[in-house]
Amino acid sequence: MINEAVQQLLDGFVTSVRQVTAVEAVWLHGSLALGDYQLGRSDLDVVAVVSSPPSPAVAEVHRQLIAASPLAAKLHCSYMVAGQLADPSIRHVTFAQERYFDRPVTPVTRRELALSNVALYGPPPSSLLPATSDDELFAFIRRDLRDFWLPVTRKRTPWYADIWVDLSLLTLARAHVTLTTGVLITKRAALDVLASLGAPPAVIADITQRRYGHPRRTWPWWRHRRGVLTRAFLRTAIPSVLS
């Protein structure tokens, strides 16, 4: 069951965005659709299918929602033009992290949409979105690990931030399961996989505490140590998952 405050936010978003652009459907994906949502911590991931490129007014819709409710800062939406749904390489107007930019709706997101098949408005994904093949899904996951995550382990600065540690390890675990079984798993389930991949236990405990327990202050010495452990693990684990 969706939290009442979250449901009110989603309903308000659908109503407001339909007033400023031609919306054909609004779909839910990510943690809320897949049963792993943590109130106030998880993002609210949606896709809006629009008849034509949205006007800049949609950004104002998001800003007004954020002003009314801090929870809205985590509502992220990509606006897919109905005639461009089939091509996963197209970059779509997106509002996320309190800014306006463009990005593709990846094969992983497309598969998530198909699995949850949740429509907040209009027809569900299964009615409009072309299916993503396993070959397309696996190729994207391999490319993401090889061309993005592995090269970034050569850098030092990003790894002081919680988000880089969390997403890198959770992405790796989810990638391993999908490439091995074809199944998409939640971030919570990915934590249980990390130990079997040899991830540092202290880092796994740190992620679990912050995402599912009571967050505690992270001291500089631990952020440095955590980054060193994470980078060292990823340098060997990514090639192993890709092999």
C-alpha atoms as a PDB file:
ATOM      1  CA  MET A   1       0.000   0.000   0.000  1.00  0.00           C
ATOM      2  CA  ILE A   2       1.301   3.465  -0.944  1.00  0.00           C
ATOM      3  CA  ASN A   3       1.792   5.909   1.933  1.00  0.00           C
ATOM      4  CA  GLU A   4      -0.984   8.523   2.057  1.00  0.00           C
ATOM      5  CA  ALA A   5       1.394  11.472   1.725  1.00  0.00           C
ATOM      6  CA  VAL A   6       3.100   9.839  -1.251  1.00  0.00           C
ATOM      7  CA  GLN A   7      -0.230   9.090  -2.913  1.00  0.00           C
ATOM      8  CA  GLN A   8      -1.356  12.687  -2.449  1.00  0.00           C
ATOM      9  CA  LEU A   9       1.895  13.925  -3.960  1.00  0.00           C
ATOM     10  CA  LEU A  10       1.586  11.621  -6.973  1.00  0.00           C
ATOM     11  CA  ASP A  11      -2.066  12.557  -7.508  1.00  0.00           C
ATOM     12  CA  GLY A  12      -1.203  16.245  -7.266  1.00  0.00           C
ATOM     13  CA  PHE A  13       1.650  15.830  -9.718  1.00  0.00           C
ATOM     14  CA  VAL A  14      -0.543  14.093 -12.302  1.00  0.00           C
ATOM     15  CA  THR A  15      -3.238  16.757 -11.987  1.00  0.00           C
ATOM     16  CA  SER A  16      -0.773  19.648 -12.207  1.00  0.00           C
ATOM     17  CA  VAL A  17       1.351  18.358 -15.072  1.00  0.00           C
ATOM     18  CA  ARG A  18      -1.717  17.610 -17.184  1.00  0.00           C
ATOM     19  CA  GLN A  19      -2.597  21.294 -16.955  1.00  0.00           C
ATOM     20  CA  VAL A  20       0.629  22.426 -18.651  1.00  0.00           C
ATOM     21  CA  THR A  21       1.375  19.723 -21.249  1.00  0.00           C
ATOM     22  CA  ALA A  22      -0.425  17.063 -23.281  1.00  0.00           C
ATOM     23  CA  VAL A  23      -0.026  13.926 -21.150  1.00  0.00           C
ATOM     24  CA  GLU A  24      -1.059  10.542 -22.523  1.00  0.00           C
ATOM     25  CA  ALA A  25       0.127   8.399 -19.604  1.00  0.00           C
ATOM     26  CA  VAL A  26       2.073   8.576 -16.338  1.00  0.00           C
ATOM     27  CA  TRP A  27       3.909   5.438 -15.209  1.00  0.00           C
ATOM     28  CA  LEU A  28       5.504   4.495 -11.914  1.00  0.00           C
ATOM     29  CA  HIS A  29       8.770   2.566 -11.661  1.00  0.00           C
ATOM     30  CA  GLY A  30      11.698   2.166  -9.284  1.00  0.00           C
ATOM     31  CA  SER A  31      11.496   1.312  -5.607  1.00  0.00           C
ATOM     32  CA  LEU A  32       7.879   2.321  -5.056  1.00  0.00           C
ATOM     33  CA  ALA A  33       6.617   0.200  -7.939  1.00  0.00           C
ATOM     34  CA  LEU A  34       8.817  -2.763  -6.994  1.00  0.00           C
ATOM     35  CA  GLY A  35       8.086  -2.778  -3.255  1.00  0.00           C
ATOM     36  CA  ASP A  36      11.347  -1.370  -1.880  1.00  0.00           C
ATOM     37  CA  TYR A  37      10.295   2.201  -1.100  1.00  0.00           C
ATOM     38  CA  GLN A  38      11.631   3.949   2.017  1.00  0.00           C
ATOM     39  CA  LEU A  39       9.657   7.076   2.927  1.00  0.00           C
ATOM     40  CA  GLY A  40      11.826  10.183   2.802  1.00  0.00           C
ATOM     41  CA  ARG A  41      14.858   8.260   1.528  1.00  0.00           C
ATOM     42  CA  SER A  42      13.877   6.623  -1.748  1.00  0.00           C
ATOM     43  CA  ASP A  43      13.247   8.516  -4.960  1.00  0.00           C
ATOM     44  CA  LEU A  44       9.801   8.619  -6.529  1.00  0.00           C
ATOM     45  CA  ASP A  45      10.489   7.603 -10.126  1.00  0.00           C
ATOM     46  CA  VAL A  46       7.897   8.307 -12.796  1.00  0.00           C
ATOM     47  CA  VAL A  47       7.718   8.539 -16.575  1.00  0.00           C
ATOM     48  CA  ALA A  48       5.226  10.775 -18.346  1.00  0.00           C
ATOM     49  CA  VAL A  49       4.299   9.986 -21.945  1.00  0.00           C
ATOM     50  CA  VAL A  50       3.502  13.243 -23.743  1.00  0.00           C
ATOM     51  CA  SER A  51       2.109  13.965 -27.203  1.00  0.00           C
ATOM     52  CA  SER A  52       4.834  16.519 -27.985  1.00  0.00           C
ATOM     53  CA  PRO A  53       7.941  17.880 -26.246  1.00  0.00           C
ATOM     54  CA  PRO A  54       6.822  19.409 -22.943  1.00  0.00           C
ATOM     55  CA  SER A  55       6.929  23.123 -22.343  1.00  0.00           C
ATOM     56  CA  PRO A  56       9.314  24.588 -19.752  1.00  0.00           C
ATOM     57  CA  ALA A  57       6.228  25.018 -17.560  1.00  0.00           C
ATOM     58  CA  VAL A  58       6.641  21.435 -16.335  1.00  0.00           C
ATOM     59  CA  ALA A  59       9.754  22.519 -14.436  1.00  0.00           C
ATOM     60  CA  GLU A  60       7.657  25.101 -12.613  1.00  0.00           C
ATOM     61  CA  VAL A  61       5.163  22.360 -11.703  1.00  0.00           C
ATOM     62  CA  HIS A  62       7.973  20.450 -10.002  1.00  0.00           C
ATOM     63  CA  ARG A  63       9.270  23.553  -8.222  1.00  0.00           C
ATOM     64  CA  GLN A  64       5.825  24.418  -6.912  1.00  0.00           C
ATOM     65  CA  LEU A  65       5.375  20.874  -5.606  1.00  0.00           C
ATOM     66  CA  ILE A  66       8.766  21.034  -3.880  1.00  0.00           C
ATOM     67  CA  ALA A  67       7.827  24.351  -2.271  1.00  0.00           C
ATOM     68  CA  ALA A  68       4.643  22.747  -0.937  1.00  0.00           C
ATOM     69  CA  SER A  69       6.194  19.451   0.192  1.00  0.00           C
ATOM     70  CA  PRO A  70       9.853  18.490   0.771  1.00  0.00           C
ATOM     71  CA  LEU A  71       8.918  14.967  -0.323  1.00  0.00           C
ATOM     72  CA  ALA A  72       8.473  16.301  -3.869  1.00  0.00           C
ATOM     73  CA  ALA A  73      12.222  16.937  -4.162  1.00  0.00           C
ATOM     74  CA  LYS A  74      12.594  13.200  -4.670  1.00  0.00           C
ATOM     75  CA  LEU A  75       9.960  13.021  -7.422  1.00  0.00           C
ATOM     76  CA  HIS A  76      11.890  12.465 -10.644  1.00  0.00           C
ATOM     77  CA  CYS A  77      10.168  12.387 -14.019  1.00  0.00           C
ATOM     78  CA  SER A  78      11.298  11.764 -17.591  1.00  0.00           C
ATOM     79  CA  TYR A  79       8.979  13.075 -20.297  1.00  0.00           C
ATOM     80  CA  MET A  80       8.900  10.659 -23.230  1.00  0.00           C
ATOM     81  CA  VAL A  81       7.331  11.838 -26.483  1.00  0.00           C
ATOM     82  CA  ALA A  82       4.835   9.180 -27.618  1.00  0.00           C
ATOM     83  CA  GLY A  83       6.384   8.907 -31.073  1.00  0.00           C
ATOM     84  CA  GLN A  84       9.849   8.215 -29.617  1.00  0.00           C
ATOM     85  CA  LEU A  85       9.083   5.354 -27.223  1.00  0.00           C
ATOM     86  CA  ALA A  86      10.782   2.661 -29.299  1.00  0.00           C
ATOM     87  CA  ASP A  87      14.316   4.100 -29.395  1.00  0.00           C
ATOM     88  CA  PRO A  88      16.222   3.643 -26.087  1.00  0.00           C
ATOM     89  CA  SER A  89      19.040   5.929 -27.243  1.00  0.00           C
ATOM     90  CA  ILE A  90      16.862   9.064 -27.379  1.00  0.00           C
ATOM     91  CA  ARG A  91      17.418  11.508 -24.543  1.00  0.00           C
ATOM     92  CA  HIS A  92      14.217  12.735 -22.938  1.00  0.00           C
ATOM     93  CA  VAL A  93      13.489  15.903 -21.013  1.00  0.00           C
ATOM     94  CA  THR A  94      13.810  15.067 -17.325  1.00  0.00           C
ATOM     95  CA  PHE A  95      13.311  16.842 -14.019  1.00  0.00           C
ATOM     96  CA  ALA A  96      15.370  15.202 -11.259  1.00  0.00           C
ATOM     97  CA  GLN A  97      17.620  16.299  -8.407  1.00  0.00           C
ATOM     98  CA  GLU A  98      15.752  19.636  -8.518  1.00  0.00           C
ATOM     99  CA  ARG A  99      17.007  20.484 -12.008  1.00  0.00           C
ATOM    100  CA  TYR A 100      15.933  20.214 -15.643  1.00  0.00           C
ATOM    101  CA  PHE A 101      18.080  18.208 -18.095  1.00  0.00           C
ATOM    102  CA  ASP A 102      17.788  15.341 -20.571  1.00  0.00           C
ATOM    103  CA  ARG A 103      18.690  11.658 -20.392  1.00  0.00           C
ATOM    104  CA  PRO A 104      17.671   8.352 -21.988  1.00  0.00           C
ATOM    105  CA  VAL A 105      15.144   5.993 -20.445  1.00  0.00           C
ATOM    106  CA  THR A 106      17.459   3.012 -20.145  1.00  0.00           C
ATOM    107  CA  PRO A 107      16.734  -0.643 -20.908  1.00  0.00           C
ATOM    108  CA  VAL A 108      16.809  -1.328 -17.150  1.00  0.00           C
ATOM    109  CA  THR A 109      14.123   1.304 -16.534  1.00  0.00           C
ATOM    110  CA  ARG A 110      12.122  -0.012 -19.499  1.00  0.00           C
ATOM    111  CA  ARG A 111      12.239  -3.531 -18.091  1.00  0.00           C
ATOM    112  CA  GLU A 112      11.224  -2.191 -14.651  1.00  0.00           C
ATOM    113  CA  LEU A 113       8.261  -0.424 -16.234  1.00  0.00           C
ATOM    114  CA  ALA A 114       7.205  -3.639 -17.944  1.00  0.00           C
ATOM    115  CA  LEU A 115       7.520  -5.672 -14.743  1.00  0.00           C
ATOM    116  CA  SER A 116       5.571  -3.298 -12.512  1.00  0.00           C
ATOM    117  CA  ASN A 117       3.184  -2.179 -15.289  1.00  0.00           C
ATOM    118  CA  VAL A 118       1.785   0.547 -13.007  1.00  0.00           C
ATOM    119  CA  ALA A 119      -0.060   3.501 -14.535  1.00  0.00           C
ATOM    120  CA  LEU A 120      -0.891   6.539 -12.427  1.00  0.00           C
ATOM    121  CA  TYR A 121      -2.794   7.906 -15.406  1.00  0.00           C
ATOM    122  CA  GLY A 122      -3.716   6.561 -18.830  1.00  0.00           C
ATOM    123  CA  PRO A 123      -2.827   3.174 -20.321  1.00  0.00           C
ATOM    124  CA  PRO A 124      -0.135   1.018 -18.626  1.00  0.00           C
ATOM    125  CA  PRO A 125       3.375   0.517 -20.044  1.00  0.00           C
ATOM    126  CA  SER A 126       2.402  -2.821 -21.587  1.00  0.00           C
ATOM    127  CA  SER A 127       0.001  -0.960 -23.897  1.00  0.00           C
ATOM    128  CA  LEU A 128       2.471   1.575 -25.298  1.00  0.00           C
ATOM    129  CA  LEU A 129       6.084   0.716 -24.530  1.00  0.00           C
ATOM    130  CA  PRO A 130       7.887  -1.746 -26.825  1.00  0.00           C
ATOM    131  CA  ALA A 131       9.342  -4.744 -24.993  1.00  0.00           C
ATOM    132  CA  THR A 132      13.038  -4.742 -24.081  1.00  0.00           C
ATOM    133  CA  SER A 133      14.807  -7.941 -25.131  1.00  0.00           C
ATOM    134  CA  ASP A 134      17.253  -9.748 -22.863  1.00  0.00           C
ATOM    135  CA  ASP A 135      20.030  -8.995 -25.351  1.00  0.00           C
ATOM    136  CA  GLU A 136      19.300  -5.261 -25.144  1.00  0.00           C
ATOM    137  CA  LEU A 137      19.134  -5.400 -21.355  1.00  0.00           C
ATOM    138  CA  PHE A 138      22.350  -7.392 -20.936  1.00  0.00           C
ATOM    139  CA  ALA A 139      24.262  -5.224 -23.426  1.00  0.00           C
ATOM    140  CA  PHE A 140      23.290  -2.064 -21.569  1.00  0.00           C
ATOM    141  CA  ILE A 141      24.252  -3.499 -18.175  1.00  0.00           C
ATOM    142  CA  ARG A 142      27.636  -4.660 -19.447  1.00  0.00           C
ATOM    143  CA  ARG A 143      28.310  -1.317 -21.102  1.00  0.00           C
ATOM    144  CA  ASP A 144      27.360   0.581 -17.939  1.00  0.00           C
ATOM    145  CA  LEU A 145      29.753  -1.466 -15.797  1.00  0.00           C
ATOM    146  CA  ARG A 146      32.579  -1.429 -18.333  1.00  0.00           C
ATOM    147  CA  ASP A 147      32.403   2.145 -19.624  1.00  0.00           C
ATOM    148  CA  PHE A 148      31.126   4.058 -16.598  1.00  0.00           C
ATOM    149  CA  TRP A 149      31.652   2.349 -13.257  1.00  0.00           C
ATOM    150  CA  LEU A 150      35.046   0.737 -13.913  1.00  0.00           C
ATOM    151  CA  PRO A 151      36.747   3.917 -15.225  1.00  0.00           C
ATOM    152  CA  VAL A 152      35.406   6.015 -12.333  1.00  0.00           C
ATOM    153  CA  THR A 153      37.237   3.772  -9.844  1.00  0.00           C
ATOM    154  CA  ARG A 154      40.435   5.494 -11.026  1.00  0.00           C
ATOM    155  CA  LYS A 155      39.198   8.729  -9.454  1.00  0.00           C
ATOM    156  CA  ARG A 156      39.298   9.522  -5.750  1.00  0.00           C
ATOM    157  CA  THR A 157      37.026  12.466  -5.044  1.00  0.00           C
ATOM    158  CA  PRO A 158      33.600  10.926  -5.874  1.00  0.00           C
ATOM    159  CA  TRP A 159      34.079   8.101  -3.410  1.00  0.00           C
ATOM    160  CA  TYR A 160      33.824  10.342  -0.360  1.00  0.00           C
ATOM    161  CA  ALA A 161      30.091  10.731  -1.105  1.00  0.00           C
ATOM    162  CA  ASP A 162      27.518   8.232   0.178  1.00  0.00           C
ATOM    163  CA  ILE A 163      25.683   8.121  -3.157  1.00  0.00           C
ATOM    164  CA  TRP A 164      28.714   6.880  -5.119  1.00  0.00           C
ATOM    165  CA  VAL A 165      29.424   4.089  -2.656  1.00  0.00           C
ATOM    166  CA  ASP A 166      25.790   3.048  -2.465  1.00  0.00           C
ATOM    167  CA  LEU A 167      24.945   3.098  -6.158  1.00  0.00           C
ATOM    168  CA  SER A 168      28.165   1.496  -7.347  1.00  0.00           C
ATOM    169  CA  LEU A 169      27.849  -1.536  -5.083  1.00  0.00           C
ATOM    170  CA  LEU A 170      24.088  -1.924  -5.452  1.00  0.00           C
ATOM    171  CA  THR A 171      24.379  -1.562  -9.237  1.00  0.00           C
ATOM    172  CA  LEU A 172      27.086  -4.215  -9.321  1.00  0.00           C
ATOM    173  CA  ALA A 173      25.032  -6.690  -7.279  1.00  0.00           C
ATOM    174  CA  ARG A 174      21.902  -6.089  -9.330  1.00  0.00           C
ATOM    175  CA  ALA A 175      23.909  -6.428 -12.546  1.00  0.00           C
ATOM    176  CA  HIS A 176      25.376  -9.730 -11.384  1.00  0.00           C
ATOM    177  CA  VAL A 177      21.948 -11.196 -10.680  1.00  0.00           C
ATOM    178  CA  THR A 178      20.430  -9.947 -13.933  1.00  0.00           C
ATOM    179  CA  LEU A 179      23.321 -11.135 -16.089  1.00  0.00           C
ATOM    180  CA  THR A 180      23.239 -14.517 -14.362  1.00  0.00           C
ATOM    181  CA  THR A 181      19.499 -15.142 -14.138  1.00  0.00           C
ATOM    182  CA  GLY A 182      17.772 -12.501 -16.259  1.00  0.00           C
ATOM    183  CA  VAL A 183      15.893 -11.276 -13.172  1.00  0.00           C
ATOM    184  CA  LEU A 184      15.784  -7.669 -11.916  1.00  0.00           C
ATOM    185  CA  ILE A 185      16.076  -7.334  -8.146  1.00  0.00           C
ATOM    186  CA  THR A 186      15.506  -4.440  -5.748  1.00  0.00           C
ATOM    187  CA  LYS A 187      18.259  -2.490  -4.040  1.00  0.00           C
ATOM    188  CA  ARG A 188      17.322  -4.129  -0.739  1.00  0.00           C
ATOM    189  CA  ALA A 189      17.757  -7.574  -2.252  1.00  0.00           C
ATOM    190  CA  ALA A 190      21.056  -6.447  -3.777  1.00  0.00           C
ATOM    191  CA  LEU A 191      22.476  -5.855  -0.304  1.00  0.00           C
ATOM    192  CA  ASP A 192      22.079  -9.552   0.442  1.00  0.00           C
ATOM    193  CA  VAL A 193      24.008 -10.406  -2.738  1.00  0.00           C
ATOM    194  CA  LEU A 194      27.005  -8.202  -1.996  1.00  0.00           C
ATOM    195  CA  ALA A 195      28.428 -10.492   0.664  1.00  0.00           C
ATOM    196  CA  SER A 196      28.513 -13.414  -1.766  1.00  0.00           C
ATOM    197  CA  LEU A 197      30.476 -11.240  -4.198  1.00  0.00           C
ATOM    198  CA  GLY A 198      33.097 -10.489  -1.537  1.00  0.00           C
ATOM    199  CA  ALA A 199      32.202  -6.869  -0.833  1.00  0.00           C
ATOM    200  CA  PRO A 200      33.749  -5.448   2.371  1.00  0.00           C
ATOM    201  CA  PRO A 201      31.426  -6.332   5.294  1.00  0.00           C
ATOM    202  CA  ALA A 202      31.945  -2.942   6.967  1.00  0.00           C
ATOM    203  CA  VAL A 203      30.834  -1.141   3.813  1.00  0.00           C
ATOM    204  CA  ILE A 204      27.774  -3.398   3.436  1.00  0.00           C
ATOM    205  CA  ALA A 205      26.853  -2.638   7.058  1.00  0.00           C
ATOM    206  CA  ASP A 206      27.338   1.078   6.443  1.00  0.00           C
ATOM    207  CA  ILE A 207      24.984   1.076   3.435  1.00  0.00           C
ATOM    208  CA  THR A 208      22.389  -1.011   5.252  1.00  0.00           C
ATOM    209  CA  GLN A 209      22.416   1.289   8.277  1.00  0.00           C
ATOM    210  CA  ARG A 210      22.033   4.468   6.245  1.00  0.00           C
ATOM    211  CA  ARG A 211      19.384   3.178   3.838  1.00  0.00           C
ATOM    212  CA  TYR A 212      17.320   0.931   6.100  1.00  0.00           C
ATOM    213  CA  GLY A 213      18.285   1.780   9.687  1.00  0.00           C
ATOM    214  CA  HIS A 214      18.905   4.995  11.588  1.00  0.00           C
ATOM    215  CA  PRO A 215      21.474   7.152   9.759  1.00  0.00           C
ATOM    216  CA  ARG A 216      24.459   8.160  11.830  1.00  0.00           C
ATOM    217  CA  ARG A 217      27.106  10.794  11.290  1.00  0.00           C
ATOM    218  CA  THR A 218      29.808   9.647   8.881  1.00  0.00           C
ATOM    219  CA  TRP A 219      33.265  10.745  10.025  1.00  0.00           C
ATOM    220  CA  PRO A 220      35.894  11.900   7.465  1.00  0.00           C
ATOM    221  CA  TRP A 221      38.301   9.072   8.333  1.00  0.00           C
ATOM    222  CA  TRP A 222      35.570   6.502   7.624  1.00  0.00           C
ATOM    223  CA  ARG A 223      34.516   8.155   4.370  1.00  0.00           C
ATOM    224  CA  HIS A 224      38.134   7.935   3.234  1.00  0.00           C
ATOM    225  CA  ARG A 225      38.514   4.311   4.339  1.00  0.00           C
ATOM    226  CA  ARG A 226      35.140   3.359   2.875  1.00  0.00           C
ATOM    227  CA  GLY A 227      36.091   4.886  -0.474  1.00  0.00           C
ATOM    228  CA  VAL A 228      39.400   3.010  -0.565  1.00  0.00           C
ATOM    229  CA  LEU A 229      37.677  -0.291   0.242  1.00  0.00           C
ATOM    230  CA  THR A 230      34.927   0.255  -2.306  1.00  0.00           C
ATOM    231  CA  ARG A 231      37.254   1.221  -5.154  1.00  0.00           C
ATOM    232  CA  ALA A 232      39.571  -1.697  -4.500  1.00  0.00           C
ATOM    233  CA  PHE A 233      36.670  -4.139  -4.450  1.00  0.00           C
ATOM    234  CA  LEU A 234      35.066  -2.777  -7.624  1.00  0.00           C
ATOM    235  CA  ARG A 235      38.315  -2.961  -9.601  1.00  0.00           C
ATOM    236  CA  THR A 236      38.304  -6.746  -9.276  1.00  0.00           C
ATOM    237  CA  ALA A 237      34.561  -7.408  -8.924  1.00  0.00           C
ATOM    238  CA  ILE A 238      33.455  -5.595 -12.090  1.00  0.00           C
ATOM    239  CA  PRO A 239      35.739  -7.603 -14.415  1.00  0.00           C
ATOM    240  CA  SER A 240      34.626 -10.761 -12.619  1.00  0.00           C
ATOM    241  CA  VAL A 241      30.927  -9.989 -13.194  1.00  0.00           C
ATOM    242  CA  LEU A 242      31.656  -9.139 -16.833  1.00  0.00           C
ATOM    243  CA  SER A 243      33.603 -12.328 -17.491  1.00  0.00           C
END
